[in-house]
Amino acid sequence: MPSRLAREEMRRASLGRPVAVALGKFDGVHLGHQALVRSLQSQARERGLASGVVIFHPNPLTVLRPGTRALYLTSLDERIELLYQLGLDTVAPVTFTSELAQSSAEEFARSLREDLQMALLVAGPDLAIGRGREGIPARMQELGNQLGFEVCILPFESLAGAKIGSGAVRGALAQGDMPEVARLLGRPFSLSGPVVTGAKRGRSIGFPTANIGVGADRELPCFGVYATRAHVGERIYASVTNIGLRPTFNDGPPSVETFIFDFDGDIYGQEIRIDLVTMLRGEEKFENIEALKAQIASDAEAARLVLQREP
């Protein structure tokens, strides 16, 4: 059977009534995920069921292949928030462990039925759950007949003839193609975290930046400079953001540093979010501080112009 932890997590998310369920990592909550959720909600309404999803976290590959590093388009908290914003009745984050990986498809299906009160499973054609990925659509149909739940298999959602998936989002992100990323996500790509203390070089050269403590497991776009919007408290500010290794100074791991226009508040320790709108240029190494200052001024002006044109 699934681990005690997994069963407790599903019981905690149970609404005490029958529910239509979709399963997955839901990383990015992109347009493909959103289409699945809409179909799930439609099927649930037709049957008088609640609607919910089970999110597996961490990425199962990190458990099945120890040493594998997983990077995420969205944090678990962001995924949960985005899914609830779509109108789901419940979201069940389930910790993927080695015990859960060893559960058979029947054992996991039985747990979904008993602990979450699943009455309908909605999934794509790539459904494969349980030990050895035995729980493919045909097998889940058999288990549904046996355990008393329906199974509805949906086609992949596509955009311009191409499947919408996290891989497509990552491909566009690696190119710094933020309009394409936004098109696939249905919203701008964002990064968030607390403002942490950095080297404070920006302030010393007239461009004080907020150094955002983005999680080390977050997927980053290709290194460079971006026109961004910074969400600080209840307000949104135009900004320009450098993401990368700071080759001019050759220090430390990748950083996310944002120069927020027309802002002079103390936000150390405060959580902020930046939406990446457009890549302005790739990462560069400058010969001296004066050349860097001139380029930052140019980047800031370019970002202002871009953001004035964007809705």
C-alpha atoms as a PDB file:
ATOM      1  CA  MET A   1       0.000   0.000   0.000  1.00  0.00           C
ATOM      2  CA  PRO A   2       1.053   3.652  -0.333  1.00  0.00           C
ATOM      3  CA  SER A   3       3.002   5.003   2.630  1.00  0.00           C
ATOM      4  CA  ARG A   4       1.205   6.174   5.743  1.00  0.00           C
ATOM      5  CA  LEU A   5       2.360   9.708   4.889  1.00  0.00           C
ATOM      6  CA  ALA A   6       0.765   9.622   1.415  1.00  0.00           C
ATOM      7  CA  ARG A   7      -2.496   8.255   2.806  1.00  0.00           C
ATOM      8  CA  GLU A   8      -2.588  10.913   5.530  1.00  0.00           C
ATOM      9  CA  GLU A   9      -1.937  13.652   2.954  1.00  0.00           C
ATOM     10  CA  MET A  10      -4.855  12.439   0.834  1.00  0.00           C
ATOM     11  CA  ARG A  11      -7.166  12.142   3.839  1.00  0.00           C
ATOM     12  CA  ARG A  12      -6.239  15.666   4.841  1.00  0.00           C
ATOM     13  CA  ALA A  13      -7.295  16.919   1.375  1.00  0.00           C
ATOM     14  CA  SER A  14     -10.506  14.877   1.321  1.00  0.00           C
ATOM     15  CA  LEU A  15     -13.706  16.923   1.222  1.00  0.00           C
ATOM     16  CA  GLY A  16     -15.790  14.157   2.721  1.00  0.00           C
ATOM     17  CA  ARG A  17     -17.649  13.666  -0.555  1.00  0.00           C
ATOM     18  CA  PRO A  18     -16.933  12.034  -3.942  1.00  0.00           C
ATOM     19  CA  VAL A  19     -14.424  13.857  -6.113  1.00  0.00           C
ATOM     20  CA  ALA A  20     -13.132  13.821  -9.692  1.00  0.00           C
ATOM     21  CA  VAL A  21      -9.326  13.670  -9.642  1.00  0.00           C
ATOM     22  CA  ALA A  22      -6.374  14.356 -11.937  1.00  0.00           C
ATOM     23  CA  LEU A  23      -2.827  13.284 -11.057  1.00  0.00           C
ATOM     24  CA  GLY A  24       0.559  14.733 -11.932  1.00  0.00           C
ATOM     25  CA  LYS A  25       3.456  17.044 -11.105  1.00  0.00           C
ATOM     26  CA  PHE A  26       1.630  20.080 -12.570  1.00  0.00           C
ATOM     27  CA  ASP A  27       4.935  21.936 -12.823  1.00  0.00           C
ATOM     28  CA  GLY A  28       4.303  25.300 -14.445  1.00  0.00           C
ATOM     29  CA  VAL A  29       0.494  24.954 -14.411  1.00  0.00           C
ATOM     30  CA  HIS A  30       0.754  25.738 -18.133  1.00  0.00           C
ATOM     31  CA  LEU A  31      -2.062  25.859 -20.705  1.00  0.00           C
ATOM     32  CA  GLY A  32      -2.015  22.067 -21.038  1.00  0.00           C
ATOM     33  CA  HIS A  33      -2.572  21.684 -17.301  1.00  0.00           C
ATOM     34  CA  GLN A  34      -5.245  24.371 -17.381  1.00  0.00           C
ATOM     35  CA  ALA A  35      -7.109  22.575 -20.178  1.00  0.00           C
ATOM     36  CA  LEU A  36      -6.967  19.340 -18.160  1.00  0.00           C
ATOM     37  CA  VAL A  37      -8.386  21.127 -15.122  1.00  0.00           C
ATOM     38  CA  ARG A  38     -11.205  22.664 -17.190  1.00  0.00           C
ATOM     39  CA  SER A  39     -12.130  19.242 -18.562  1.00  0.00           C
ATOM     40  CA  LEU A  40     -11.927  17.769 -15.069  1.00  0.00           C
ATOM     41  CA  GLN A  41     -14.279  20.435 -13.738  1.00  0.00           C
ATOM     42  CA  SER A  42     -16.720  19.913 -16.616  1.00  0.00           C
ATOM     43  CA  GLN A  43     -16.786  16.147 -16.064  1.00  0.00           C
ATOM     44  CA  ALA A  44     -17.212  16.689 -12.324  1.00  0.00           C
ATOM     45  CA  ARG A  45     -20.165  19.065 -12.784  1.00  0.00           C
ATOM     46  CA  GLU A  46     -21.925  16.587 -15.056  1.00  0.00           C
ATOM     47  CA  ARG A  47     -21.723  13.953 -12.303  1.00  0.00           C
ATOM     48  CA  GLY A  48     -22.322  16.192  -9.294  1.00  0.00           C
ATOM     49  CA  LEU A  49     -18.776  15.650  -8.016  1.00  0.00           C
ATOM     50  CA  ALA A  50     -16.212  17.931  -6.429  1.00  0.00           C
ATOM     51  CA  SER A  51     -12.982  18.508  -8.388  1.00  0.00           C
ATOM     52  CA  GLY A  52      -9.402  18.117  -7.226  1.00  0.00           C
ATOM     53  CA  VAL A  53      -5.870  17.229  -8.207  1.00  0.00           C
ATOM     54  CA  VAL A  54      -3.064  15.233  -6.627  1.00  0.00           C
ATOM     55  CA  ILE A  55       0.384  16.816  -7.022  1.00  0.00           C
ATOM     56  CA  PHE A  56       3.374  14.508  -6.714  1.00  0.00           C
ATOM     57  CA  HIS A  57       6.353  16.288  -5.126  1.00  0.00           C
ATOM     58  CA  PRO A  58       9.300  16.091  -5.318  1.00  0.00           C
ATOM     59  CA  ASN A  59       9.716  15.051  -8.936  1.00  0.00           C
ATOM     60  CA  PRO A  60       9.473  11.218  -8.917  1.00  0.00           C
ATOM     61  CA  LEU A  61      12.734  10.982 -10.910  1.00  0.00           C
ATOM     62  CA  THR A  62      14.663  12.247  -7.877  1.00  0.00           C
ATOM     63  CA  VAL A  63      13.410   9.212  -5.937  1.00  0.00           C
ATOM     64  CA  LEU A  64      13.524   6.639  -8.734  1.00  0.00           C
ATOM     65  CA  ARG A  65      17.008   7.736  -9.852  1.00  0.00           C
ATOM     66  CA  PRO A  66      18.919   8.909  -6.759  1.00  0.00           C
ATOM     67  CA  GLY A  67      21.286  11.748  -7.527  1.00  0.00           C
ATOM     68  CA  THR A  68      19.046  13.192 -10.240  1.00  0.00           C
ATOM     69  CA  ARG A  69      18.639  16.951  -9.893  1.00  0.00           C
ATOM     70  CA  ALA A  70      15.197  18.379 -10.588  1.00  0.00           C
ATOM     71  CA  LEU A  71      14.532  22.021 -11.439  1.00  0.00           C
ATOM     72  CA  TYR A  72      11.017  23.402 -11.214  1.00  0.00           C
ATOM     73  CA  LEU A  73       9.194  26.034 -13.246  1.00  0.00           C
ATOM     74  CA  THR A  74       7.056  26.769 -10.194  1.00  0.00           C
ATOM     75  CA  SER A  75       7.493  26.063  -6.504  1.00  0.00           C
ATOM     76  CA  LEU A  76       5.059  23.702  -4.808  1.00  0.00           C
ATOM     77  CA  ASP A  77       3.349  26.623  -3.045  1.00  0.00           C
ATOM     78  CA  GLU A  78       2.963  28.467  -6.356  1.00  0.00           C
ATOM     79  CA  ARG A  79       1.465  25.382  -8.005  1.00  0.00           C
ATOM     80  CA  ILE A  80      -1.066  24.955  -5.218  1.00  0.00           C
ATOM     81  CA  GLU A  81      -2.055  28.636  -5.394  1.00  0.00           C
ATOM     82  CA  LEU A  82      -2.346  28.637  -9.192  1.00  0.00           C
ATOM     83  CA  LEU A  83      -4.483  25.484  -9.164  1.00  0.00           C
ATOM     84  CA  TYR A  84      -6.846  26.872  -6.554  1.00  0.00           C
ATOM     85  CA  GLN A  85      -7.128  30.044  -8.653  1.00  0.00           C
ATOM     86  CA  LEU A  86      -8.534  27.826 -11.433  1.00  0.00           C
ATOM     87  CA  GLY A  87     -11.461  27.007  -9.159  1.00  0.00           C
ATOM     88  CA  LEU A  88     -10.593  23.520  -7.932  1.00  0.00           C
ATOM     89  CA  ASP A  89     -12.261  22.348  -4.746  1.00  0.00           C
ATOM     90  CA  THR A  90      -9.191  20.611  -3.335  1.00  0.00           C
ATOM     91  CA  VAL A  91      -5.492  20.208  -4.088  1.00  0.00           C
ATOM     92  CA  ALA A  92      -3.620  17.319  -2.457  1.00  0.00           C
ATOM     93  CA  PRO A  93       0.189  17.606  -2.445  1.00  0.00           C
ATOM     94  CA  VAL A  94       1.462  14.039  -1.969  1.00  0.00           C
ATOM     95  CA  THR A  95       5.079  13.409  -1.019  1.00  0.00           C
ATOM     96  CA  PHE A  96       6.637  11.022  -3.510  1.00  0.00           C
ATOM     97  CA  THR A  97       8.745   8.562  -1.540  1.00  0.00           C
ATOM     98  CA  SER A  98      10.423   5.222  -2.250  1.00  0.00           C
ATOM     99  CA  GLU A  99       7.505   3.557  -0.428  1.00  0.00           C
ATOM    100  CA  LEU A 100       5.001   5.204  -2.736  1.00  0.00           C
ATOM    101  CA  ALA A 101       7.121   4.234  -5.756  1.00  0.00           C
ATOM    102  CA  GLN A 102       6.794   0.586  -4.755  1.00  0.00           C
ATOM    103  CA  SER A 103       2.981   0.683  -4.565  1.00  0.00           C
ATOM    104  CA  SER A 104       1.175  -1.218  -7.279  1.00  0.00           C
ATOM    105  CA  ALA A 105      -1.346   0.573  -9.474  1.00  0.00           C
ATOM    106  CA  GLU A 106      -4.122  -1.293  -7.648  1.00  0.00           C
ATOM    107  CA  GLU A 107      -2.836  -0.294  -4.215  1.00  0.00           C
ATOM    108  CA  PHE A 108      -2.555   3.355  -5.197  1.00  0.00           C
ATOM    109  CA  ALA A 109      -5.950   3.369  -6.903  1.00  0.00           C
ATOM    110  CA  ARG A 110      -7.500   1.799  -3.799  1.00  0.00           C
ATOM    111  CA  SER A 111      -5.967   4.527  -1.642  1.00  0.00           C
ATOM    112  CA  LEU A 112      -7.324   7.239  -3.962  1.00  0.00           C
ATOM    113  CA  ARG A 113     -10.748   5.625  -3.761  1.00  0.00           C
ATOM    114  CA  GLU A 114     -10.763   5.181   0.004  1.00  0.00           C
ATOM    115  CA  ASP A 115      -8.721   8.125   1.309  1.00  0.00           C
ATOM    116  CA  LEU A 116      -9.672  10.844  -1.190  1.00  0.00           C
ATOM    117  CA  GLN A 117     -13.078   9.410  -2.170  1.00  0.00           C
ATOM    118  CA  MET A 118     -12.164   9.460  -5.862  1.00  0.00           C
ATOM    119  CA  ALA A 119     -15.169   8.651  -8.042  1.00  0.00           C
ATOM    120  CA  LEU A 120     -13.663   9.733 -11.387  1.00  0.00           C
ATOM    121  CA  LEU A 121     -10.065   9.740 -12.636  1.00  0.00           C
ATOM    122  CA  VAL A 122      -9.354  12.176 -15.484  1.00  0.00           C
ATOM    123  CA  ALA A 123      -5.988  11.824 -17.234  1.00  0.00           C
ATOM    124  CA  GLY A 124      -4.077  12.154 -20.471  1.00  0.00           C
ATOM    125  CA  PRO A 125      -3.046   9.257 -22.726  1.00  0.00           C
ATOM    126  CA  ASP A 126       0.411   9.121 -21.068  1.00  0.00           C
ATOM    127  CA  LEU A 127      -1.059   8.024 -17.721  1.00  0.00           C
ATOM    128  CA  ALA A 128       1.282   5.498 -16.081  1.00  0.00           C
ATOM    129  CA  ILE A 129       1.186   5.141 -12.294  1.00  0.00           C
ATOM    130  CA  GLY A 130       2.262   2.518  -9.805  1.00  0.00           C
ATOM    131  CA  ARG A 131       5.266   0.210  -9.593  1.00  0.00           C
ATOM    132  CA  GLY A 132       6.774  -0.366 -13.017  1.00  0.00           C
ATOM    133  CA  ARG A 133       4.398   2.274 -14.488  1.00  0.00           C
ATOM    134  CA  GLU A 134       1.813  -0.476 -14.819  1.00  0.00           C
ATOM    135  CA  GLY A 135      -1.179   1.822 -14.324  1.00  0.00           C
ATOM    136  CA  ILE A 136      -1.691   2.748 -17.981  1.00  0.00           C
ATOM    137  CA  PRO A 137      -5.174   3.768 -19.193  1.00  0.00           C
ATOM    138  CA  ALA A 138      -6.368   0.214 -19.967  1.00  0.00           C
ATOM    139  CA  ARG A 139      -5.236  -1.070 -16.564  1.00  0.00           C
ATOM    140  CA  MET A 140      -6.852   1.861 -14.762  1.00  0.00           C
ATOM    141  CA  GLN A 141     -10.113   1.159 -16.594  1.00  0.00           C
ATOM    142  CA  GLU A 142      -9.957  -2.404 -15.211  1.00  0.00           C
ATOM    143  CA  LEU A 143      -9.266  -1.134 -11.716  1.00  0.00           C
ATOM    144  CA  GLY A 144     -12.084   1.401 -12.005  1.00  0.00           C
ATOM    145  CA  ASN A 145     -14.538  -1.383 -12.811  1.00  0.00           C
ATOM    146  CA  GLN A 146     -13.185  -3.387  -9.886  1.00  0.00           C
ATOM    147  CA  LEU A 147     -13.014  -0.635  -7.264  1.00  0.00           C
ATOM    148  CA  GLY A 148     -15.919   1.556  -8.320  1.00  0.00           C
ATOM    149  CA  PHE A 149     -14.569   4.641 -10.070  1.00  0.00           C
ATOM    150  CA  GLU A 150     -14.772   5.945 -13.643  1.00  0.00           C
ATOM    151  CA  VAL A 151     -11.789   6.709 -15.870  1.00  0.00           C
ATOM    152  CA  CYS A 152     -11.840   9.430 -18.547  1.00  0.00           C
ATOM    153  CA  ILE A 153      -8.810   9.694 -20.876  1.00  0.00           C
ATOM    154  CA  LEU A 154      -8.381  13.030 -22.653  1.00  0.00           C
ATOM    155  CA  PRO A 155      -6.187  13.915 -25.660  1.00  0.00           C
ATOM    156  CA  PHE A 156      -3.149  16.157 -25.227  1.00  0.00           C
ATOM    157  CA  GLU A 157      -3.797  19.890 -25.457  1.00  0.00           C
ATOM    158  CA  SER A 158      -1.932  21.498 -28.368  1.00  0.00           C
ATOM    159  CA  LEU A 159      -1.136  25.003 -29.508  1.00  0.00           C
ATOM    160  CA  ALA A 160      -0.439  25.633 -33.204  1.00  0.00           C
ATOM    161  CA  GLY A 161      -0.252  21.875 -33.685  1.00  0.00           C
ATOM    162  CA  ALA A 162       2.368  21.263 -30.972  1.00  0.00           C
ATOM    163  CA  LYS A 163       1.773  19.563 -27.636  1.00  0.00           C
ATOM    164  CA  ILE A 164       1.783  21.957 -24.697  1.00  0.00           C
ATOM    165  CA  GLY A 165       4.057  20.519 -22.048  1.00  0.00           C
ATOM    166  CA  SER A 166       6.645  21.544 -19.493  1.00  0.00           C
ATOM    167  CA  GLY A 167       9.376  20.575 -21.985  1.00  0.00           C
ATOM    168  CA  ALA A 168       8.156  23.198 -24.449  1.00  0.00           C
ATOM    169  CA  VAL A 169       8.153  25.828 -21.702  1.00  0.00           C
ATOM    170  CA  ARG A 170      11.703  24.887 -20.696  1.00  0.00           C
ATOM    171  CA  GLY A 171      12.873  25.056 -24.300  1.00  0.00           C
ATOM    172  CA  ALA A 172      11.562  28.598 -24.728  1.00  0.00           C
ATOM    173  CA  LEU A 173      12.957  29.582 -21.322  1.00  0.00           C
ATOM    174  CA  ALA A 174      16.424  28.349 -22.280  1.00  0.00           C
ATOM    175  CA  GLN A 175      16.281  30.666 -25.310  1.00  0.00           C
ATOM    176  CA  GLY A 176      15.130  33.646 -23.250  1.00  0.00           C
ATOM    177  CA  ASP A 177      11.981  33.789 -25.393  1.00  0.00           C
ATOM    178  CA  MET A 178       9.733  35.224 -22.696  1.00  0.00           C
ATOM    179  CA  PRO A 179       6.770  36.036 -25.000  1.00  0.00           C
ATOM    180  CA  GLU A 180       6.672  32.366 -26.032  1.00  0.00           C
ATOM    181  CA  VAL A 181       6.982  31.236 -22.419  1.00  0.00           C
ATOM    182  CA  ALA A 182       4.084  33.521 -21.487  1.00  0.00           C
ATOM    183  CA  ARG A 183       2.056  32.167 -24.410  1.00  0.00           C
ATOM    184  CA  LEU A 184       2.538  28.592 -23.176  1.00  0.00           C
ATOM    185  CA  LEU A 185       1.888  29.428 -19.532  1.00  0.00           C
ATOM    186  CA  GLY A 186      -1.011  31.790 -20.152  1.00  0.00           C
ATOM    187  CA  ARG A 187       0.772  34.327 -17.910  1.00  0.00           C
ATOM    188  CA  PRO A 188       4.251  35.843 -17.574  1.00  0.00           C
ATOM    189  CA  PHE A 189       7.017  33.639 -16.178  1.00  0.00           C
ATOM    190  CA  SER A 190       7.845  34.792 -12.658  1.00  0.00           C
ATOM    191  CA  LEU A 191      10.463  34.325  -9.971  1.00  0.00           C
ATOM    192  CA  SER A 192       9.937  35.100  -6.323  1.00  0.00           C
ATOM    193  CA  GLY A 193      11.713  35.029  -2.999  1.00  0.00           C
ATOM    194  CA  PRO A 194      12.842  37.190  -0.101  1.00  0.00           C
ATOM    195  CA  VAL A 195      15.126  40.153  -0.698  1.00  0.00           C
ATOM    196  CA  VAL A 196      18.490  39.115   0.727  1.00  0.00           C
ATOM    197  CA  THR A 197      21.719  40.975   1.423  1.00  0.00           C
ATOM    198  CA  GLY A 198      24.088  40.945  -1.531  1.00  0.00           C
ATOM    199  CA  ALA A 199      27.469  42.538  -2.235  1.00  0.00           C
ATOM    200  CA  LYS A 200      25.761  45.981  -2.377  1.00  0.00           C
ATOM    201  CA  ARG A 201      27.734  46.954  -5.475  1.00  0.00           C
ATOM    202  CA  GLY A 202      24.608  48.273  -7.200  1.00  0.00           C
ATOM    203  CA  ARG A 203      24.039  50.924  -4.550  1.00  0.00           C
ATOM    204  CA  SER A 204      27.663  52.027  -4.723  1.00  0.00           C
ATOM    205  CA  ILE A 205      27.390  52.696  -8.490  1.00  0.00           C
ATOM    206  CA  GLY A 206      24.002  54.405  -8.379  1.00  0.00           C
ATOM    207  CA  PHE A 207      21.757  51.463  -9.225  1.00  0.00           C
ATOM    208  CA  PRO A 208      20.558  49.855  -5.962  1.00  0.00           C
ATOM    209  CA  THR A 209      19.262  46.386  -6.701  1.00  0.00           C
ATOM    210  CA  ALA A 210      17.083  43.949  -4.813  1.00  0.00           C
ATOM    211  CA  ASN A 211      18.889  40.608  -4.622  1.00  0.00           C
ATOM    212  CA  ILE A 212      16.089  38.026  -4.711  1.00  0.00           C
ATOM    213  CA  GLY A 213      16.698  34.759  -2.871  1.00  0.00           C
ATOM    214  CA  VAL A 214      15.259  32.438  -5.507  1.00  0.00           C
ATOM    215  CA  GLY A 215      15.253  28.756  -4.537  1.00  0.00           C
ATOM    216  CA  ALA A 216      18.202  26.729  -5.833  1.00  0.00           C
ATOM    217  CA  ASP A 217      15.759  24.232  -7.373  1.00  0.00           C
ATOM    218  CA  ARG A 218      14.053  26.815  -9.583  1.00  0.00           C
ATOM    219  CA  GLU A 219      14.448  26.747 -13.366  1.00  0.00           C
ATOM    220  CA  LEU A 220      16.036  29.988 -14.596  1.00  0.00           C
ATOM    221  CA  PRO A 221      15.944  31.504 -18.089  1.00  0.00           C
ATOM    222  CA  CYS A 222      19.168  31.873 -20.027  1.00  0.00           C
ATOM    223  CA  PHE A 223      21.493  34.319 -18.334  1.00  0.00           C
ATOM    224  CA  GLY A 224      21.075  37.941 -19.310  1.00  0.00           C
ATOM    225  CA  VAL A 225      19.152  41.140 -18.677  1.00  0.00           C
ATOM    226  CA  TYR A 226      15.360  41.321 -18.726  1.00  0.00           C
ATOM    227  CA  ALA A 227      12.631  43.949 -18.689  1.00  0.00           C
ATOM    228  CA  THR A 228      10.543  42.971 -15.668  1.00  0.00           C
ATOM    229  CA  ARG A 229       7.684  43.990 -13.426  1.00  0.00           C
ATOM    230  CA  ALA A 230       8.314  43.821  -9.698  1.00  0.00           C
ATOM    231  CA  HIS A 231       5.443  43.018  -7.334  1.00  0.00           C
ATOM    232  CA  VAL A 232       6.257  44.665  -3.999  1.00  0.00           C
ATOM    233  CA  GLY A 233       3.450  44.380  -1.482  1.00  0.00           C
ATOM    234  CA  GLU A 234       0.288  45.523  -3.229  1.00  0.00           C
ATOM    235  CA  ARG A 235       2.088  47.597  -5.855  1.00  0.00           C
ATOM    236  CA  ILE A 236       3.697  46.770  -9.195  1.00  0.00           C
ATOM    237  CA  TYR A 237       6.790  48.616 -10.419  1.00  0.00           C
ATOM    238  CA  ALA A 238       8.635  48.669 -13.718  1.00  0.00           C
ATOM    239  CA  SER A 239      12.107  47.186 -13.301  1.00  0.00           C
ATOM    240  CA  VAL A 240      15.124  45.699 -15.018  1.00  0.00           C
ATOM    241  CA  THR A 241      16.640  42.406 -13.835  1.00  0.00           C
ATOM    242  CA  ASN A 242      19.997  40.729 -14.302  1.00  0.00           C
ATOM    243  CA  ILE A 243      20.054  36.938 -14.032  1.00  0.00           C
ATOM    244  CA  GLY A 244      23.417  35.220 -14.123  1.00  0.00           C
ATOM    245  CA  LEU A 245      26.935  34.819 -12.754  1.00  0.00           C
ATOM    246  CA  ARG A 246      28.106  38.463 -12.737  1.00  0.00           C
ATOM    247  CA  PRO A 247      31.135  37.753 -14.972  1.00  0.00           C
ATOM    248  CA  THR A 248      32.513  41.261 -14.429  1.00  0.00           C
ATOM    249  CA  PHE A 249      33.123  40.341 -10.780  1.00  0.00           C
ATOM    250  CA  ASN A 250      33.515  36.537 -11.095  1.00  0.00           C
ATOM    251  CA  ASP A 251      31.814  35.752  -7.806  1.00  0.00           C
ATOM    252  CA  GLY A 252      29.319  33.241  -6.519  1.00  0.00           C
ATOM    253  CA  PRO A 253      26.437  31.190  -7.885  1.00  0.00           C
ATOM    254  CA  PRO A 254      23.750  32.554 -10.235  1.00  0.00           C
ATOM    255  CA  SER A 255      21.883  35.522  -8.822  1.00  0.00           C
ATOM    256  CA  VAL A 256      18.662  37.394  -9.594  1.00  0.00           C
ATOM    257  CA  GLU A 257      19.164  41.147  -9.079  1.00  0.00           C
ATOM    258  CA  THR A 258      16.420  43.654  -9.818  1.00  0.00           C
ATOM    259  CA  PHE A 259      16.695  47.434 -10.150  1.00  0.00           C
ATOM    260  CA  ILE A 260      13.213  48.739  -9.354  1.00  0.00           C
ATOM    261  CA  PHE A 261      12.423  52.070 -11.011  1.00  0.00           C
ATOM    262  CA  ASP A 262      11.143  55.000  -8.951  1.00  0.00           C
ATOM    263  CA  PHE A 263      11.409  53.073  -5.692  1.00  0.00           C
ATOM    264  CA  ASP A 264      13.462  53.795  -2.577  1.00  0.00           C
ATOM    265  CA  GLY A 265      11.982  51.603   0.171  1.00  0.00           C
ATOM    266  CA  ASP A 266      13.711  49.202   2.551  1.00  0.00           C
ATOM    267  CA  ILE A 267      12.519  45.747   1.505  1.00  0.00           C
ATOM    268  CA  TYR A 268      15.216  43.492   2.988  1.00  0.00           C
ATOM    269  CA  GLY A 269      13.570  40.269   4.107  1.00  0.00           C
ATOM    270  CA  GLN A 270      10.357  41.048   2.234  1.00  0.00           C
ATOM    271  CA  GLU A 271       9.025  38.557  -0.318  1.00  0.00           C
ATOM    272  CA  ILE A 272       8.770  40.018  -3.819  1.00  0.00           C
ATOM    273  CA  ARG A 273       7.929  38.614  -7.234  1.00  0.00           C
ATOM    274  CA  ILE A 274       9.194  39.613 -10.642  1.00  0.00           C
ATOM    275  CA  ASP A 275       7.447  38.904 -13.940  1.00  0.00           C
ATOM    276  CA  LEU A 276       9.912  38.524 -16.827  1.00  0.00           C
ATOM    277  CA  VAL A 277       8.535  40.327 -19.883  1.00  0.00           C
ATOM    278  CA  THR A 278      11.325  40.490 -22.481  1.00  0.00           C
ATOM    279  CA  MET A 279      14.997  39.589 -22.693  1.00  0.00           C
ATOM    280  CA  LEU A 280      17.039  42.696 -23.515  1.00  0.00           C
ATOM    281  CA  ARG A 281      20.493  41.171 -23.990  1.00  0.00           C
ATOM    282  CA  GLY A 282      22.701  38.262 -22.990  1.00  0.00           C
ATOM    283  CA  GLU A 283      25.148  38.263 -20.109  1.00  0.00           C
ATOM    284  CA  GLU A 284      28.347  40.241 -20.712  1.00  0.00           C
ATOM    285  CA  LYS A 285      31.663  40.873 -18.994  1.00  0.00           C
ATOM    286  CA  PHE A 286      32.726  44.536 -18.852  1.00  0.00           C
ATOM    287  CA  GLU A 287      36.251  45.909 -18.735  1.00  0.00           C
ATOM    288  CA  ASN A 288      35.575  48.299 -15.874  1.00  0.00           C
ATOM    289  CA  ILE A 289      32.899  49.704 -13.563  1.00  0.00           C
ATOM    290  CA  GLU A 290      32.291  52.761 -15.760  1.00  0.00           C
ATOM    291  CA  ALA A 291      31.424  50.570 -18.750  1.00  0.00           C
ATOM    292  CA  LEU A 292      29.096  48.529 -16.537  1.00  0.00           C
ATOM    293  CA  LYS A 293      27.368  51.678 -15.232  1.00  0.00           C
ATOM    294  CA  ALA A 294      26.810  52.949 -18.765  1.00  0.00           C
ATOM    295  CA  GLN A 295      25.303  49.624 -19.827  1.00  0.00           C
ATOM    296  CA  ILE A 296      22.987  49.434 -16.796  1.00  0.00           C
ATOM    297  CA  ALA A 297      21.704  52.940 -17.619  1.00  0.00           C
ATOM    298  CA  SER A 298      21.099  51.841 -21.200  1.00  0.00           C
ATOM    299  CA  ASP A 299      19.382  48.642 -20.033  1.00  0.00           C
ATOM    300  CA  ALA A 300      17.127  50.612 -17.686  1.00  0.00           C
ATOM    301  CA  GLU A 301      16.053  52.945 -20.487  1.00  0.00           C
ATOM    302  CA  ALA A 302      15.404  50.011 -22.830  1.00  0.00           C
ATOM    303  CA  ALA A 303      13.332  48.275 -20.148  1.00  0.00           C
ATOM    304  CA  ARG A 304      11.239  51.401 -19.558  1.00  0.00           C
ATOM    305  CA  LEU A 305      10.460  51.648 -23.278  1.00  0.00           C
ATOM    306  CA  VAL A 306       9.541  47.964 -23.534  1.00  0.00           C
ATOM    307  CA  LEU A 307       7.285  48.055 -20.484  1.00  0.00           C
ATOM    308  CA  GLN A 308       5.506  51.198 -21.685  1.00  0.00           C
ATOM    309  CA  ARG A 309       4.521  49.319 -24.845  1.00  0.00           C
ATOM    310  CA  GLU A 310       3.417  46.150 -23.030  1.00  0.00           C
ATOM    311  CA  PRO A 311      -0.122  46.038 -21.610  1.00  0.00           C
END
